[in-house]
């Protein structure tokens, strides 16, 4: 099957299109960053704080619309810290809804396979009464941690593809 590469962290050192998006947008105090480790992978690290109604940290990558017709699965190679994270996609930056899938990391390198049609629509943390993801394009991918508790985290990222 043909895979569509969304981002390969180990094949480029230019991650300038990746942005941090934390709860500070609503007054929270969570902090995070994306940096490189010795093997060239991206490391998303930080501290989630529940102060001031906060509680999440994220990194996101926006790009010109990519045609994902026929793609059924997101394949992500990563190494987590045993915590749960969300993978989120947006079909259109002008829409409020993000489509999310929560996965648990093992502490080891793993390949997460996410059926696109299992990604649920949400807006500001609330599930929407809309169908699961079924678009033929995307413009954003995001990793988010927000487990309802104050915690430090570390998620190492290698590659994001769609198949």
Protein backbone atom coordinates (compact mmCIF):
# COMPACT_ATOMS: atom_id res chain seq x y z
CA UNK A 1 0.00 0.00 0.00
CA UNK A 2 1.24 3.50 -0.79
CA UNK A 3 1.97 5.49 2.31
CA UNK A 4 1.79 9.26 2.53
CA UNK A 5 4.58 10.69 4.65
CA UNK A 6 3.33 13.49 6.89
CA UNK A 7 6.60 14.08 8.74
CA UNK A 8 9.86 12.19 9.31
CA UNK A 9 11.73 13.79 12.20
CA UNK A 10 14.93 11.79 11.73
CA UNK A 11 15.34 12.74 8.05
CA UNK A 12 15.22 16.51 8.55
CA UNK A 13 16.41 18.91 11.18
CA UNK A 14 14.04 21.66 10.04
CA UNK A 15 11.10 21.44 12.41
CA UNK A 16 10.31 25.16 12.20
CA UNK A 17 6.76 24.41 11.05
CA UNK A 18 6.03 22.61 14.34
CA UNK A 19 4.49 24.90 16.96
CA UNK A 20 3.73 24.60 20.66
CA UNK A 21 0.08 25.04 21.65
CA UNK A 22 -0.47 24.93 25.42
CA UNK A 23 -3.29 25.89 27.76
CA UNK A 24 -1.72 29.36 28.17
CA UNK A 25 -4.13 30.39 25.38
CA UNK A 26 -6.83 30.21 28.06
CA UNK A 27 -4.80 31.31 31.07
CA UNK A 28 -3.23 27.98 32.02
CA UNK A 29 0.37 27.48 33.12
CA UNK A 30 1.45 24.29 31.33
CA UNK A 31 4.81 24.45 29.59
CA UNK A 32 6.24 22.34 26.78
CA UNK A 33 8.79 22.36 24.01
CA UNK A 34 9.97 20.33 21.05
CA UNK A 35 13.69 19.57 20.88
CA UNK A 36 16.08 17.12 19.27
CA UNK A 37 17.72 14.15 20.95
CA UNK A 38 21.13 12.65 20.12
CA UNK A 39 19.65 10.33 17.47
CA UNK A 40 17.84 13.13 15.66
CA UNK A 41 14.32 12.37 16.87
CA UNK A 42 11.93 15.03 18.10
CA UNK A 43 11.21 15.05 21.82
CA UNK A 44 8.02 16.69 23.05
CA UNK A 45 8.55 17.39 26.76
CA UNK A 46 7.10 19.55 29.45
CA UNK A 47 4.89 19.90 32.48
CA UNK A 48 1.10 19.94 32.49
CA UNK A 49 -0.33 22.24 35.16
CA UNK A 50 -3.93 22.38 36.34
CA UNK A 51 -3.52 25.94 37.66
CA UNK A 52 -5.84 28.64 36.25
CA UNK A 53 -8.12 26.00 34.65
CA UNK A 54 -5.23 24.68 32.56
CA UNK A 55 -4.47 21.07 31.88
CA UNK A 56 -2.98 20.43 28.45
CA UNK A 57 0.13 20.80 26.35
CA UNK A 58 0.46 20.15 22.63
CA UNK A 59 2.59 20.50 19.53
CA UNK A 60 1.13 20.84 16.06
CA UNK A 61 2.15 20.94 12.43
CA UNK A 62 0.12 22.83 9.83
CA UNK A 63 0.63 22.43 6.11
CA UNK A 64 -0.98 23.00 2.74
CA UNK A 65 -3.91 20.67 2.27
CA UNK A 66 -2.83 17.06 1.65
CA UNK A 67 -5.06 14.71 -0.31
CA UNK A 68 -5.58 11.61 1.82
CA UNK A 69 -8.15 9.89 -0.40
CA UNK A 70 -8.02 6.14 0.15
CA UNK A 71 -5.95 6.41 3.34
CA UNK A 72 -7.41 4.44 6.23
CA UNK A 73 -4.77 4.46 8.96
CA UNK A 74 -2.31 6.81 10.65
CA UNK A 75 0.96 5.01 11.42
CA UNK A 76 3.11 6.73 14.04
CA UNK A 77 6.48 5.53 15.28
CA UNK A 78 7.19 6.89 18.73
CA UNK A 79 8.49 6.21 22.20
CA UNK A 80 6.46 7.46 25.13
CA UNK A 81 6.73 7.45 28.88
CA UNK A 82 3.83 5.13 29.71
CA UNK A 83 1.28 7.96 29.67
CA UNK A 84 -1.75 8.53 27.44
CA UNK A 85 -1.58 11.02 24.59
CA UNK A 86 -3.95 12.18 21.89
CA UNK A 87 -3.21 12.24 18.20
CA UNK A 88 -5.38 14.88 16.55
CA UNK A 89 -6.03 15.83 12.97
CA UNK A 90 -7.90 18.67 11.32
CA UNK A 91 -9.28 18.38 7.82
CA UNK A 92 -9.66 22.15 7.49
CA UNK A 93 -8.09 24.86 9.62
CA UNK A 94 -11.25 26.94 9.25
CA UNK A 95 -13.31 24.31 11.08
CA UNK A 96 -13.47 24.27 14.86
CA UNK A 97 -13.54 20.48 15.21
CA UNK A 98 -10.45 18.38 15.77
CA UNK A 99 -10.61 14.62 15.34
CA UNK A 100 -8.91 12.81 18.17
CA UNK A 101 -7.67 9.36 19.09
CA UNK A 102 -6.19 8.57 22.49
CA UNK A 103 -3.36 6.04 22.75
CA UNK A 104 -1.27 4.70 25.61
CA UNK A 105 2.49 4.58 25.37
CA UNK A 106 4.54 1.66 26.64
CA UNK A 107 7.87 3.29 27.51
CA UNK A 108 9.47 1.46 24.54
CA UNK A 109 9.58 2.24 20.83
CA UNK A 110 6.23 1.32 19.33
CA UNK A 111 4.24 1.78 16.16
CA UNK A 112 0.81 3.20 16.88
CA UNK A 113 -1.82 2.34 14.26
CA UNK A 114 -4.85 4.62 14.34
CA UNK A 115 -7.86 3.86 12.14
CA UNK A 116 -8.87 7.27 10.75
CA UNK A 117 -12.56 6.34 10.96
CA UNK A 118 -12.17 5.81 14.73
CA UNK A 119 -11.04 9.42 15.27
CA UNK A 120 -13.81 11.28 17.11
CA UNK A 121 -14.81 14.93 16.58
CA UNK A 122 -14.21 17.27 19.51
CA UNK A 123 -14.13 21.00 20.15
CA UNK A 124 -12.39 22.41 23.23
CA UNK A 125 -12.42 18.99 24.86
CA UNK A 126 -16.10 18.26 24.25
CA UNK A 127 -17.21 15.44 21.95
CA UNK A 128 -19.37 16.71 19.11
CA UNK A 129 -22.46 15.02 17.74
CA UNK A 130 -20.90 14.58 14.30
CA UNK A 131 -19.67 11.55 12.36
CA UNK A 132 -16.14 10.27 12.96
CA UNK A 133 -13.39 11.45 10.64
CA UNK A 134 -14.17 10.85 6.98
CA UNK A 135 -12.53 13.73 5.09
CA UNK A 136 -10.36 13.38 1.99
CA UNK A 137 -7.83 16.01 3.07
CA UNK A 138 -5.98 17.20 6.17
CA UNK A 139 -4.19 20.43 7.10
CA UNK A 140 -2.98 19.77 10.65
CA UNK A 141 -1.65 17.02 12.90
CA UNK A 142 -1.19 17.49 16.64
CA UNK A 143 0.01 15.58 19.69
CA UNK A 144 -1.65 16.56 22.97
CA UNK A 145 -1.38 15.46 26.57
CA UNK A 146 -4.18 16.36 28.95
CA UNK A 147 -4.94 13.56 31.39
CA UNK A 148 -6.68 15.66 34.03
CA UNK A 149 -3.65 15.80 36.30
CA UNK A 150 -0.47 17.78 36.82
CA UNK A 151 2.39 15.72 35.39
CA UNK A 152 5.70 15.88 33.56
CA UNK A 153 5.88 14.09 30.24
CA UNK A 154 8.20 13.05 27.42
CA UNK A 155 7.16 11.76 23.99
CA UNK A 156 9.85 10.94 21.39
CA UNK A 157 8.66 11.09 17.78
CA UNK A 158 10.17 9.40 14.74
CA UNK A 159 7.67 9.36 11.87
CA UNK A 160 4.02 10.04 10.96
CA UNK A 161 2.51 8.39 7.88
CA UNK A 162 -0.92 7.64 6.49
CA UNK A 163 -1.70 4.36 4.75
